[in-house]
Amino acid sequence: MAAESVSMAGSVSQTGTGEMARSGGPNKLAGRLRPNEVLLKWLFGACAAVSVFTTFGIIYVLIADSVPFFQHAGISVFDFLLGRVWSPLVADENGKHFYGILPLVCGTFLVAAGAAVFSLPMGLLSAIYLSEYASPRARNTMKPILEILAGVPTVVYGFFALLFITPVLQKLEPFGQRIFGSEFTIEPFNAMSAAIAIAIMTLPLVSSLCEDALRMVPSGLREGAYALGATKMEVSMQVVVPAALSGIAASFILAISRAVGETMIVAIAAGNSPILTANVFKGIQTMTGYIVQVSLGDVPHGTLEYQTIFAVGLVLFSITVVMNLISIALVRRFQQKYD
């Protein structure tokens, strides 16, 4: 019986080896897809292609509708980007319109910079607390509450800025007049209230992404620092944060890009005054705010004034692409690999 079993095992082994050799070996068998897997492969590829074609479609629409604007307005790209007066909807006393987008660009970055001043440090510090100091119970309680802010509609943040943040700021106006003089005023529509609202909106984004980056740092780095006698603060600030710098930098750029592209908050709280100023307590207009103003329906479709939104959108799209490229470069520059 034992001899028969051995001979049967040998024949089975030889048969399996022969079939495997005829089929090209185990690697070829592993790479062979079933019909349903082939269908899923094409489905996944189609989904990826849709996103790529959508991006190229956006670029085509922006460029195709921006070229007629430059042709009909008779303005060069240089004058469009560096012009200091933006008045495409209202003509001056001589009936002339001005198409210098610089006030909109500066207003956009004024609001985004103000939001970054509040959201980036607070988001990073909250991430350090959740990752390094908070107990599991505290983390599981605080993080969902913090992320609730990310689900609030932006129009709600806009009215919150207009009806709550702005009145609070205006109550501080007497203190500002003591420091800067009687000419200091806080307008009902201003960049600061919009910046604070955007900072509150982007805070969960910064905190969540920074915490994920911090928690990805291997525990061996922390344990090695503790073994050398480092304190909790030294480990957090001098070991963990530098090790997660690539993820932190990417979260910062993503939050700033989100602030640059915000629409409803600035349309409601920042105003629609395209002026070139660095005073955050004055009303300004951002690129997205202007697009909303023109898109309300008061400007006829196909006119030169209507075509300005595509030129503004092209500039906004270019800025976000550049910021994404900077984010990718920072990640590659500071990325650290751990075995």
C-alpha atoms as a PDB file:
ATOM      1  CA  MET A   1       0.000   0.000   0.000  1.00  0.00           C
ATOM      2  CA  ALA A   2       2.802   2.387   0.868  1.00  0.00           C
ATOM      3  CA  ALA A   3       4.508   1.699  -2.466  1.00  0.00           C
ATOM      4  CA  GLU A   4       1.233   2.336  -4.355  1.00  0.00           C
ATOM      5  CA  SER A   5       0.708   5.616  -2.480  1.00  0.00           C
ATOM      6  CA  VAL A   6       4.231   6.764  -3.315  1.00  0.00           C
ATOM      7  CA  SER A   7       3.761   5.858  -6.988  1.00  0.00           C
ATOM      8  CA  MET A   8       0.404   7.682  -7.112  1.00  0.00           C
ATOM      9  CA  ALA A   9       1.912  10.787  -5.498  1.00  0.00           C
ATOM     10  CA  GLY A  10       4.733  10.686  -7.995  1.00  0.00           C
ATOM     11  CA  SER A  11       2.355  10.436 -10.935  1.00  0.00           C
ATOM     12  CA  VAL A  12       0.236  13.301  -9.622  1.00  0.00           C
ATOM     13  CA  SER A  13       3.379  15.396  -9.158  1.00  0.00           C
ATOM     14  CA  GLN A  14       4.569  14.626 -12.667  1.00  0.00           C
ATOM     15  CA  THR A  15       1.145  15.389 -14.118  1.00  0.00           C
ATOM     16  CA  GLY A  16       0.925  18.734 -12.273  1.00  0.00           C
ATOM     17  CA  THR A  17       4.457  19.635 -13.318  1.00  0.00           C
ATOM     18  CA  GLY A  18       3.699  18.816 -16.944  1.00  0.00           C
ATOM     19  CA  GLU A  19       0.510  20.899 -16.952  1.00  0.00           C
ATOM     20  CA  MET A  20       2.328  23.798 -15.284  1.00  0.00           C
ATOM     21  CA  ALA A  21       5.115  23.604 -17.878  1.00  0.00           C
ATOM     22  CA  ARG A  22       2.620  23.585 -20.768  1.00  0.00           C
ATOM     23  CA  SER A  23       0.766  26.594 -19.337  1.00  0.00           C
ATOM     24  CA  GLY A  24       3.925  28.647 -18.956  1.00  0.00           C
ATOM     25  CA  GLY A  25       4.602  28.226 -15.224  1.00  0.00           C
ATOM     26  CA  PRO A  26       2.994  29.667 -12.085  1.00  0.00           C
ATOM     27  CA  ASN A  27       3.663  33.318 -13.036  1.00  0.00           C
ATOM     28  CA  LYS A  28       1.562  33.052 -16.172  1.00  0.00           C
ATOM     29  CA  LEU A  29      -1.242  31.389 -14.248  1.00  0.00           C
ATOM     30  CA  ALA A  30      -1.145  34.164 -11.628  1.00  0.00           C
ATOM     31  CA  GLY A  31      -1.404  36.862 -14.312  1.00  0.00           C
ATOM     32  CA  ARG A  32      -4.353  35.306 -16.144  1.00  0.00           C
ATOM     33  CA  LEU A  33      -7.592  37.240 -15.575  1.00  0.00           C
ATOM     34  CA  ARG A  34     -11.095  35.858 -15.451  1.00  0.00           C
ATOM     35  CA  PRO A  35     -13.777  37.425 -17.673  1.00  0.00           C
ATOM     36  CA  ASN A  36     -15.337  39.359 -14.787  1.00  0.00           C
ATOM     37  CA  GLU A  37     -11.908  40.624 -13.740  1.00  0.00           C
ATOM     38  CA  VAL A  38     -11.241  41.833 -17.287  1.00  0.00           C
ATOM     39  CA  LEU A  39     -14.533  43.734 -17.165  1.00  0.00           C
ATOM     40  CA  LEU A  40     -13.578  45.333 -13.848  1.00  0.00           C
ATOM     41  CA  LYS A  41     -10.158  46.220 -15.232  1.00  0.00           C
ATOM     42  CA  TRP A  42     -11.731  48.122 -18.123  1.00  0.00           C
ATOM     43  CA  LEU A  43     -14.224  49.752 -15.744  1.00  0.00           C
ATOM     44  CA  PHE A  44     -11.469  50.997 -13.447  1.00  0.00           C
ATOM     45  CA  GLY A  45      -9.495  52.266 -16.425  1.00  0.00           C
ATOM     46  CA  ALA A  46     -12.563  54.086 -17.733  1.00  0.00           C
ATOM     47  CA  CYS A  47     -13.056  55.811 -14.379  1.00  0.00           C
ATOM     48  CA  ALA A  48      -9.428  56.950 -14.391  1.00  0.00           C
ATOM     49  CA  ALA A  49      -9.785  58.161 -17.985  1.00  0.00           C
ATOM     50  CA  VAL A  50     -12.899  60.178 -17.099  1.00  0.00           C
ATOM     51  CA  SER A  51     -10.971  62.184 -14.509  1.00  0.00           C
ATOM     52  CA  VAL A  52      -8.139  62.815 -16.969  1.00  0.00           C
ATOM     53  CA  PHE A  53     -10.467  63.830 -19.804  1.00  0.00           C
ATOM     54  CA  THR A  54     -12.444  66.042 -17.415  1.00  0.00           C
ATOM     55  CA  THR A  55      -9.273  67.932 -16.530  1.00  0.00           C
ATOM     56  CA  PHE A  56      -8.392  68.436 -20.188  1.00  0.00           C
ATOM     57  CA  GLY A  57     -11.990  69.441 -20.864  1.00  0.00           C
ATOM     58  CA  ILE A  58     -11.822  72.147 -18.214  1.00  0.00           C
ATOM     59  CA  ILE A  59      -8.565  73.438 -19.666  1.00  0.00           C
ATOM     60  CA  TYR A  60     -10.050  73.485 -23.181  1.00  0.00           C
ATOM     61  CA  VAL A  61     -13.185  75.369 -22.125  1.00  0.00           C
ATOM     62  CA  LEU A  62     -11.237  77.974 -20.164  1.00  0.00           C
ATOM     63  CA  ILE A  63      -8.749  78.610 -22.962  1.00  0.00           C
ATOM     64  CA  ALA A  64     -11.334  78.515 -25.769  1.00  0.00           C
ATOM     65  CA  ASP A  65     -13.554  81.069 -24.020  1.00  0.00           C
ATOM     66  CA  SER A  66     -10.671  83.236 -22.808  1.00  0.00           C
ATOM     67  CA  VAL A  67      -9.142  83.792 -26.247  1.00  0.00           C
ATOM     68  CA  PRO A  68     -12.202  85.753 -27.554  1.00  0.00           C
ATOM     69  CA  PHE A  69     -12.020  87.961 -24.480  1.00  0.00           C
ATOM     70  CA  PHE A  70      -8.453  89.033 -25.225  1.00  0.00           C
ATOM     71  CA  GLN A  71      -9.307  89.491 -28.909  1.00  0.00           C
ATOM     72  CA  HIS A  72     -12.376  91.657 -28.318  1.00  0.00           C
ATOM     73  CA  ALA A  73     -11.012  93.606 -25.348  1.00  0.00           C
ATOM     74  CA  GLY A  74      -7.803  94.479 -27.194  1.00  0.00           C
ATOM     75  CA  ILE A  75      -5.695  93.879 -24.091  1.00  0.00           C
ATOM     76  CA  SER A  76      -2.459  91.959 -23.788  1.00  0.00           C
ATOM     77  CA  VAL A  77      -1.908  89.181 -21.281  1.00  0.00           C
ATOM     78  CA  PHE A  78       0.745  91.329 -19.578  1.00  0.00           C
ATOM     79  CA  ASP A  79      -1.669  94.241 -19.050  1.00  0.00           C
ATOM     80  CA  PHE A  80      -4.384  91.816 -17.946  1.00  0.00           C
ATOM     81  CA  LEU A  81      -2.215  90.245 -15.250  1.00  0.00           C
ATOM     82  CA  LEU A  82      -0.519  93.410 -13.990  1.00  0.00           C
ATOM     83  CA  GLY A  83      -3.235  95.997 -14.470  1.00  0.00           C
ATOM     84  CA  ARG A  84      -4.205  97.741 -11.236  1.00  0.00           C
ATOM     85  CA  VAL A  85      -7.782  98.670 -12.099  1.00  0.00           C
ATOM     86  CA  TRP A  86     -10.561  96.116 -12.564  1.00  0.00           C
ATOM     87  CA  SER A  87     -13.799  97.585 -13.913  1.00  0.00           C
ATOM     88  CA  PRO A  88     -15.232  95.390 -16.679  1.00  0.00           C
ATOM     89  CA  LEU A  89     -18.868  95.945 -15.703  1.00  0.00           C
ATOM     90  CA  VAL A  90     -18.843  99.697 -15.041  1.00  0.00           C
ATOM     91  CA  ALA A  91     -17.242 102.246 -17.363  1.00  0.00           C
ATOM     92  CA  ASP A  92     -15.597 105.477 -16.266  1.00  0.00           C
ATOM     93  CA  GLU A  93     -16.715 108.957 -17.295  1.00  0.00           C
ATOM     94  CA  ASN A  94     -15.048 108.453 -20.670  1.00  0.00           C
ATOM     95  CA  GLY A  95     -16.885 105.176 -21.285  1.00  0.00           C
ATOM     96  CA  LYS A  96     -13.738 103.087 -20.873  1.00  0.00           C
ATOM     97  CA  HIS A  97     -13.531  99.713 -19.143  1.00  0.00           C
ATOM     98  CA  PHE A  98     -10.458  98.420 -17.336  1.00  0.00           C
ATOM     99  CA  TYR A  99      -9.360  94.804 -17.246  1.00  0.00           C
ATOM    100  CA  GLY A 100      -6.472  94.624 -14.795  1.00  0.00           C
ATOM    101  CA  ILE A 101      -6.951  91.488 -12.686  1.00  0.00           C
ATOM    102  CA  LEU A 102      -4.314  92.349 -10.092  1.00  0.00           C
ATOM    103  CA  PRO A 103      -6.865  93.692  -7.518  1.00  0.00           C
ATOM    104  CA  LEU A 104      -8.771  90.380  -7.687  1.00  0.00           C
ATOM    105  CA  VAL A 105      -5.589  88.327  -7.339  1.00  0.00           C
ATOM    106  CA  CYS A 106      -4.363  90.406  -4.400  1.00  0.00           C
ATOM    107  CA  GLY A 107      -7.777  90.227  -2.739  1.00  0.00           C
ATOM    108  CA  THR A 108      -7.785  86.444  -3.140  1.00  0.00           C
ATOM    109  CA  PHE A 109      -4.362  86.026  -1.591  1.00  0.00           C
ATOM    110  CA  LEU A 110      -5.145  88.550   1.133  1.00  0.00           C
ATOM    111  CA  VAL A 111      -8.033  86.412   2.327  1.00  0.00           C
ATOM    112  CA  ALA A 112      -6.079  83.166   1.859  1.00  0.00           C
ATOM    113  CA  ALA A 113      -3.079  84.534   3.777  1.00  0.00           C
ATOM    114  CA  GLY A 114      -5.301  85.713   6.613  1.00  0.00           C
ATOM    115  CA  ALA A 115      -6.945  82.305   6.794  1.00  0.00           C
ATOM    116  CA  ALA A 116      -3.540  80.575   6.754  1.00  0.00           C
ATOM    117  CA  VAL A 117      -2.322  82.663   9.680  1.00  0.00           C
ATOM    118  CA  PHE A 118      -5.100  81.221  11.829  1.00  0.00           C
ATOM    119  CA  SER A 119      -5.694  77.720  10.454  1.00  0.00           C
ATOM    120  CA  LEU A 120      -2.176  76.411   9.796  1.00  0.00           C
ATOM    121  CA  PRO A 121      -0.672  76.871  13.302  1.00  0.00           C
ATOM    122  CA  MET A 122      -3.877  75.851  15.058  1.00  0.00           C
ATOM    123  CA  GLY A 123      -4.314  72.822  12.821  1.00  0.00           C
ATOM    124  CA  LEU A 124      -0.726  71.664  13.338  1.00  0.00           C
ATOM    125  CA  LEU A 125      -0.838  72.147  17.113  1.00  0.00           C
ATOM    126  CA  SER A 126      -4.157  70.312  17.391  1.00  0.00           C
ATOM    127  CA  ALA A 127      -2.706  67.486  15.288  1.00  0.00           C
ATOM    128  CA  ILE A 128       0.333  67.252  17.579  1.00  0.00           C
ATOM    129  CA  TYR A 129      -1.949  67.037  20.596  1.00  0.00           C
ATOM    130  CA  LEU A 130      -4.170  64.354  19.055  1.00  0.00           C
ATOM    131  CA  SER A 131      -1.202  62.317  17.841  1.00  0.00           C
ATOM    132  CA  GLU A 132       1.259  62.629  20.716  1.00  0.00           C
ATOM    133  CA  TYR A 133      -0.559  63.732  23.874  1.00  0.00           C
ATOM    134  CA  ALA A 134      -4.231  62.782  23.740  1.00  0.00           C
ATOM    135  CA  SER A 135      -5.430  59.499  25.191  1.00  0.00           C
ATOM    136  CA  PRO A 136      -7.310  57.139  22.851  1.00  0.00           C
ATOM    137  CA  ARG A 137     -10.575  58.085  24.512  1.00  0.00           C
ATOM    138  CA  ALA A 138      -9.925  61.805  24.130  1.00  0.00           C
ATOM    139  CA  ARG A 139      -8.808  61.343  20.512  1.00  0.00           C
ATOM    140  CA  ASN A 140     -11.874  59.332  19.604  1.00  0.00           C
ATOM    141  CA  THR A 141     -14.071  62.007  21.161  1.00  0.00           C
ATOM    142  CA  MET A 142     -12.391  65.185  19.916  1.00  0.00           C
ATOM    143  CA  LYS A 143     -11.535  64.204  16.350  1.00  0.00           C
ATOM    144  CA  PRO A 144     -15.127  63.524  15.197  1.00  0.00           C
ATOM    145  CA  ILE A 145     -16.260  66.780  16.811  1.00  0.00           C
ATOM    146  CA  LEU A 146     -13.467  68.653  15.032  1.00  0.00           C
ATOM    147  CA  GLU A 147     -14.306  67.066  11.705  1.00  0.00           C
ATOM    148  CA  ILE A 148     -17.946  68.142  11.992  1.00  0.00           C
ATOM    149  CA  LEU A 149     -16.732  71.585  10.938  1.00  0.00           C
ATOM    150  CA  ALA A 150     -15.690  70.126   7.582  1.00  0.00           C
ATOM    151  CA  GLY A 151     -19.291  69.132   6.855  1.00  0.00           C
ATOM    152  CA  VAL A 152     -20.840  72.551   7.444  1.00  0.00           C
ATOM    153  CA  PRO A 153     -21.966  74.172   4.156  1.00  0.00           C
ATOM    154  CA  THR A 154     -19.827  77.116   3.106  1.00  0.00           C
ATOM    155  CA  VAL A 155     -22.867  79.369   2.741  1.00  0.00           C
ATOM    156  CA  VAL A 156     -23.451  78.888   6.470  1.00  0.00           C
ATOM    157  CA  TYR A 157     -19.892  79.999   7.149  1.00  0.00           C
ATOM    158  CA  GLY A 158     -20.525  83.036   4.950  1.00  0.00           C
ATOM    159  CA  PHE A 159     -23.534  84.201   6.931  1.00  0.00           C
ATOM    160  CA  PHE A 160     -21.710  83.335  10.161  1.00  0.00           C
ATOM    161  CA  ALA A 161     -18.906  85.666   9.113  1.00  0.00           C
ATOM    162  CA  LEU A 162     -21.291  88.430   8.085  1.00  0.00           C
ATOM    163  CA  LEU A 163     -23.680  88.267  11.042  1.00  0.00           C
ATOM    164  CA  PHE A 164     -21.375  87.208  13.889  1.00  0.00           C
ATOM    165  CA  ILE A 165     -17.669  87.684  13.152  1.00  0.00           C
ATOM    166  CA  THR A 166     -18.036  91.138  11.586  1.00  0.00           C
ATOM    167  CA  PRO A 167     -20.087  92.606  14.501  1.00  0.00           C
ATOM    168  CA  VAL A 168     -17.532  91.218  16.948  1.00  0.00           C
ATOM    169  CA  LEU A 169     -14.719  92.843  14.990  1.00  0.00           C
ATOM    170  CA  GLN A 170     -16.587  96.139  14.830  1.00  0.00           C
ATOM    171  CA  LYS A 171     -16.808  96.167  18.608  1.00  0.00           C
ATOM    172  CA  LEU A 172     -13.005  96.250  18.622  1.00  0.00           C
ATOM    173  CA  GLU A 173     -12.931  99.325  16.406  1.00  0.00           C
ATOM    174  CA  PRO A 174     -12.392 101.797  19.294  1.00  0.00           C
ATOM    175  CA  PHE A 175      -9.243  99.933  20.332  1.00  0.00           C
ATOM    176  CA  GLY A 176      -7.964 100.111  16.773  1.00  0.00           C
ATOM    177  CA  GLN A 177      -8.644 103.840  16.636  1.00  0.00           C
ATOM    178  CA  ARG A 178      -6.538 104.350  19.759  1.00  0.00           C
ATOM    179  CA  ILE A 179      -3.627 102.611  18.053  1.00  0.00           C
ATOM    180  CA  PHE A 180      -3.981 103.623  14.395  1.00  0.00           C
ATOM    181  CA  GLY A 181      -5.917 106.871  14.732  1.00  0.00           C
ATOM    182  CA  SER A 182      -9.490 108.020  14.195  1.00  0.00           C
ATOM    183  CA  GLU A 183      -9.383 107.091  10.506  1.00  0.00           C
ATOM    184  CA  PHE A 184      -9.307 103.389  11.375  1.00  0.00           C
ATOM    185  CA  THR A 185     -12.636 101.773  10.496  1.00  0.00           C
ATOM    186  CA  ILE A 186     -13.916  98.232  10.008  1.00  0.00           C
ATOM    187  CA  GLU A 187     -16.285  98.044   7.078  1.00  0.00           C
ATOM    188  CA  PRO A 188     -19.374  95.799   7.141  1.00  0.00           C
ATOM    189  CA  PHE A 189     -17.857  93.736   4.327  1.00  0.00           C
ATOM    190  CA  ASN A 190     -14.189  93.082   4.965  1.00  0.00           C
ATOM    191  CA  ALA A 191     -11.453  90.573   4.249  1.00  0.00           C
ATOM    192  CA  MET A 192     -10.738  89.737   7.894  1.00  0.00           C
ATOM    193  CA  SER A 193     -14.147  88.263   8.690  1.00  0.00           C
ATOM    194  CA  ALA A 194     -13.991  86.140   5.525  1.00  0.00           C
ATOM    195  CA  ALA A 195     -10.464  85.014   6.410  1.00  0.00           C
ATOM    196  CA  ILE A 196     -11.504  83.944   9.907  1.00  0.00           C
ATOM    197  CA  ALA A 197     -14.468  81.986   8.556  1.00  0.00           C
ATOM    198  CA  ILE A 198     -12.269  80.239   5.973  1.00  0.00           C
ATOM    199  CA  ALA A 199      -9.741  79.473   8.715  1.00  0.00           C
ATOM    200  CA  ILE A 200     -12.456  77.747  10.744  1.00  0.00           C
ATOM    201  CA  MET A 201     -13.529  75.820   7.645  1.00  0.00           C
ATOM    202  CA  THR A 202      -9.999  74.619   6.742  1.00  0.00           C
ATOM    203  CA  LEU A 203      -8.936  73.855  10.319  1.00  0.00           C
ATOM    204  CA  PRO A 204     -10.273  70.242  10.260  1.00  0.00           C
ATOM    205  CA  LEU A 205      -8.512  69.649   6.941  1.00  0.00           C
ATOM    206  CA  VAL A 206      -5.131  70.759   8.277  1.00  0.00           C
ATOM    207  CA  SER A 207      -5.576  68.940  11.571  1.00  0.00           C
ATOM    208  CA  SER A 208      -6.638  65.639  10.013  1.00  0.00           C
ATOM    209  CA  LEU A 209      -3.925  65.538   7.361  1.00  0.00           C
ATOM    210  CA  CYS A 210      -1.203  66.612   9.792  1.00  0.00           C
ATOM    211  CA  GLU A 211      -2.293  64.026  12.328  1.00  0.00           C
ATOM    212  CA  ASP A 212      -2.185  61.287   9.685  1.00  0.00           C
ATOM    213  CA  ALA A 213       1.341  62.374   8.757  1.00  0.00           C
ATOM    214  CA  LEU A 214       2.455  62.400  12.389  1.00  0.00           C
ATOM    215  CA  ARG A 215       0.995  58.987  13.128  1.00  0.00           C
ATOM    216  CA  MET A 216       2.795  57.536  10.115  1.00  0.00           C
ATOM    217  CA  VAL A 217       6.164  58.250  11.765  1.00  0.00           C
ATOM    218  CA  PRO A 218       7.575  54.917  13.041  1.00  0.00           C
ATOM    219  CA  SER A 219       7.393  54.425  16.789  1.00  0.00           C
ATOM    220  CA  GLY A 220      11.046  53.374  16.738  1.00  0.00           C
ATOM    221  CA  LEU A 221      12.063  57.002  16.245  1.00  0.00           C
ATOM    222  CA  ARG A 222      10.115  58.045  19.297  1.00  0.00           C
ATOM    223  CA  GLU A 223      11.471  55.166  21.387  1.00  0.00           C
ATOM    224  CA  GLY A 224      15.031  55.940  20.316  1.00  0.00           C
ATOM    225  CA  ALA A 225      14.623  59.586  21.331  1.00  0.00           C
ATOM    226  CA  TYR A 226      13.154  58.587  24.693  1.00  0.00           C
ATOM    227  CA  ALA A 227      16.073  56.202  25.214  1.00  0.00           C
ATOM    228  CA  LEU A 228      18.449  59.141  24.783  1.00  0.00           C
ATOM    229  CA  GLY A 229      16.645  61.049  27.524  1.00  0.00           C
ATOM    230  CA  ALA A 230      14.462  63.351  25.405  1.00  0.00           C
ATOM    231  CA  THR A 231      11.312  64.816  26.882  1.00  0.00           C
ATOM    232  CA  LYS A 232       7.829  64.527  25.403  1.00  0.00           C
ATOM    233  CA  MET A 233       8.058  68.031  23.965  1.00  0.00           C
ATOM    234  CA  GLU A 234      11.489  67.395  22.444  1.00  0.00           C
ATOM    235  CA  VAL A 235      10.331  64.152  20.849  1.00  0.00           C
ATOM    236  CA  SER A 236       7.231  65.803  19.417  1.00  0.00           C
ATOM    237  CA  MET A 237       8.844  68.978  18.074  1.00  0.00           C
ATOM    238  CA  GLN A 238      12.377  67.807  17.208  1.00  0.00           C
ATOM    239  CA  VAL A 239      11.796  64.222  16.067  1.00  0.00           C
ATOM    240  CA  VAL A 240       8.202  63.560  15.011  1.00  0.00           C
ATOM    241  CA  VAL A 241       7.411  66.870  13.296  1.00  0.00           C
ATOM    242  CA  PRO A 242      10.612  66.927  11.163  1.00  0.00           C
ATOM    243  CA  ALA A 243      10.030  63.304  10.208  1.00  0.00           C
ATOM    244  CA  ALA A 244       6.491  64.127   9.027  1.00  0.00           C
ATOM    245  CA  LEU A 245       7.472  67.382   7.328  1.00  0.00           C
ATOM    246  CA  SER A 246       6.501  66.248   3.837  1.00  0.00           C
ATOM    247  CA  GLY A 247       2.939  65.410   4.866  1.00  0.00           C
ATOM    248  CA  ILE A 248       2.634  68.586   6.915  1.00  0.00           C
ATOM    249  CA  ALA A 249       3.830  70.745   4.012  1.00  0.00           C
ATOM    250  CA  ALA A 250       1.401  69.025   1.654  1.00  0.00           C
ATOM    251  CA  SER A 251      -1.493  69.648   4.048  1.00  0.00           C
ATOM    252  CA  PHE A 252      -0.538  73.330   4.312  1.00  0.00           C
ATOM    253  CA  ILE A 253      -0.476  73.787   0.542  1.00  0.00           C
ATOM    254  CA  LEU A 254      -3.763  71.923   0.175  1.00  0.00           C
ATOM    255  CA  ALA A 255      -5.415  74.124   2.807  1.00  0.00           C
ATOM    256  CA  ILE A 256      -4.145  77.321   1.147  1.00  0.00           C
ATOM    257  CA  SER A 257      -5.358  76.049  -2.220  1.00  0.00           C
ATOM    258  CA  ARG A 258      -8.754  75.356  -0.651  1.00  0.00           C
ATOM    259  CA  ALA A 259      -8.816  78.902   0.726  1.00  0.00           C
ATOM    260  CA  VAL A 260      -7.901  80.378  -2.664  1.00  0.00           C
ATOM    261  CA  GLY A 261     -10.760  78.555  -4.349  1.00  0.00           C
ATOM    262  CA  GLU A 262     -13.403  79.281  -1.718  1.00  0.00           C
ATOM    263  CA  THR A 263     -16.456  80.988  -3.183  1.00  0.00           C
ATOM    264  CA  MET A 264     -19.517  81.498  -0.990  1.00  0.00           C
ATOM    265  CA  ILE A 265     -17.756  82.815   2.107  1.00  0.00           C
ATOM    266  CA  VAL A 266     -15.943  85.582   0.227  1.00  0.00           C
ATOM    267  CA  ALA A 267     -18.981  86.344  -1.920  1.00  0.00           C
ATOM    268  CA  ILE A 268     -21.085  86.951   1.201  1.00  0.00           C
ATOM    269  CA  ALA A 269     -18.622  88.408   3.715  1.00  0.00           C
ATOM    270  CA  ALA A 270     -15.759  90.031   1.777  1.00  0.00           C
ATOM    271  CA  GLY A 271     -17.789  92.282  -0.481  1.00  0.00           C
ATOM    272  CA  ASN A 272     -17.478  93.131  -4.159  1.00  0.00           C
ATOM    273  CA  SER A 273     -15.065  96.066  -4.204  1.00  0.00           C
ATOM    274  CA  PRO A 274     -12.119  95.240  -6.504  1.00  0.00           C
ATOM    275  CA  ILE A 275      -9.586  97.553  -4.914  1.00  0.00           C
ATOM    276  CA  LEU A 276      -5.856  97.048  -4.501  1.00  0.00           C
ATOM    277  CA  THR A 277      -5.247  97.191  -0.741  1.00  0.00           C
ATOM    278  CA  ALA A 278      -3.456  95.403   2.067  1.00  0.00           C
ATOM    279  CA  ASN A 279      -5.964  96.526   4.702  1.00  0.00           C
ATOM    280  CA  VAL A 280      -7.844  93.414   5.836  1.00  0.00           C
ATOM    281  CA  PHE A 281     -10.599  95.526   7.396  1.00  0.00           C
ATOM    282  CA  LYS A 282     -11.735  96.936   4.053  1.00  0.00           C
ATOM    283  CA  GLY A 283     -14.096  95.375   1.574  1.00  0.00           C
ATOM    284  CA  ILE A 284     -12.369  93.580  -1.302  1.00  0.00           C
ATOM    285  CA  GLN A 285     -13.295  91.219  -4.106  1.00  0.00           C
ATOM    286  CA  THR A 286     -11.725  87.888  -4.907  1.00  0.00           C
ATOM    287  CA  MET A 287     -11.602  86.013  -8.201  1.00  0.00           C
ATOM    288  CA  THR A 288     -14.276  83.574  -7.103  1.00  0.00           C
ATOM    289  CA  GLY A 289     -16.412  86.420  -5.756  1.00  0.00           C
ATOM    290  CA  TYR A 290     -16.316  88.148  -9.143  1.00  0.00           C
ATOM    291  CA  ILE A 291     -17.277  84.935 -10.937  1.00  0.00           C
ATOM    292  CA  VAL A 292     -20.307  84.626  -8.648  1.00  0.00           C
ATOM    293  CA  GLN A 293     -21.256  88.260  -9.267  1.00  0.00           C
ATOM    294  CA  VAL A 294     -21.254  87.842 -13.050  1.00  0.00           C
ATOM    295  CA  SER A 295     -22.931  84.427 -12.914  1.00  0.00           C
ATOM    296  CA  LEU A 296     -26.003  85.747 -11.115  1.00  0.00           C
ATOM    297  CA  GLY A 297     -27.670  86.437 -14.463  1.00  0.00           C
ATOM    298  CA  ASP A 298     -27.502  90.233 -14.726  1.00  0.00           C
ATOM    299  CA  VAL A 299     -24.803  90.100 -17.433  1.00  0.00           C
ATOM    300  CA  PRO A 300     -25.993  88.854 -20.856  1.00  0.00           C
ATOM    301  CA  HIS A 301     -24.467  85.602 -22.034  1.00  0.00           C
ATOM    302  CA  GLY A 302     -21.833  85.884 -24.757  1.00  0.00           C
ATOM    303  CA  THR A 303     -20.932  89.520 -24.112  1.00  0.00           C
ATOM    304  CA  LEU A 304     -17.426  90.753 -23.396  1.00  0.00           C
ATOM    305  CA  GLU A 305     -18.315  91.259 -19.753  1.00  0.00           C
ATOM    306  CA  TYR A 306     -19.501  87.658 -19.524  1.00  0.00           C
ATOM    307  CA  GLN A 307     -16.317  86.345 -21.151  1.00  0.00           C
ATOM    308  CA  THR A 308     -14.238  87.906 -18.393  1.00  0.00           C
ATOM    309  CA  ILE A 309     -15.232  85.116 -16.005  1.00  0.00           C
ATOM    310  CA  PHE A 310     -13.426  82.584 -18.188  1.00  0.00           C
ATOM    311  CA  ALA A 311     -10.255  84.655 -18.179  1.00  0.00           C
ATOM    312  CA  VAL A 312     -10.505  85.004 -14.416  1.00  0.00           C
ATOM    313  CA  GLY A 313     -11.220  81.283 -14.091  1.00  0.00           C
ATOM    314  CA  LEU A 314      -8.162  80.481 -16.199  1.00  0.00           C
ATOM    315  CA  VAL A 315      -5.966  82.519 -13.869  1.00  0.00           C
ATOM    316  CA  LEU A 316      -7.519  80.845 -10.829  1.00  0.00           C
ATOM    317  CA  PHE A 317      -7.036  77.398 -12.357  1.00  0.00           C
ATOM    318  CA  SER A 318      -3.403  78.201 -13.162  1.00  0.00           C
ATOM    319  CA  ILE A 319      -2.766  79.310  -9.584  1.00  0.00           C
ATOM    320  CA  THR A 320      -4.191  76.094  -8.142  1.00  0.00           C
ATOM    321  CA  VAL A 321      -2.135  73.989 -10.583  1.00  0.00           C
ATOM    322  CA  VAL A 322       1.032  75.811  -9.559  1.00  0.00           C
ATOM    323  CA  MET A 323       0.221  75.286  -5.884  1.00  0.00           C
ATOM    324  CA  ASN A 324      -0.355  71.572  -6.471  1.00  0.00           C
ATOM    325  CA  LEU A 325       2.987  71.328  -8.259  1.00  0.00           C
ATOM    326  CA  ILE A 326       4.644  73.072  -5.318  1.00  0.00           C
ATOM    327  CA  SER A 327       2.994  70.586  -2.968  1.00  0.00           C
ATOM    328  CA  ILE A 328       4.297  67.644  -5.004  1.00  0.00           C
ATOM    329  CA  ALA A 329       7.782  69.158  -5.082  1.00  0.00           C
ATOM    330  CA  LEU A 330       7.775  69.675  -1.305  1.00  0.00           C
ATOM    331  CA  VAL A 331       6.671  66.097  -0.699  1.00  0.00           C
ATOM    332  CA  ARG A 332       9.449  64.763  -2.900  1.00  0.00           C
ATOM    333  CA  ARG A 333      11.982  67.129  -1.351  1.00  0.00           C
ATOM    334  CA  PHE A 334      11.292  66.306   2.276  1.00  0.00           C
ATOM    335  CA  GLN A 335       9.977  62.775   1.949  1.00  0.00           C
ATOM    336  CA  GLN A 336      11.688  60.248   4.182  1.00  0.00           C
ATOM    337  CA  LYS A 337      11.551  56.494   3.707  1.00  0.00           C
ATOM    338  CA  TYR A 338      11.622  54.087   6.586  1.00  0.00           C
ATOM    339  CA  ASP A 339      12.280  50.373   6.481  1.00  0.00           C
END
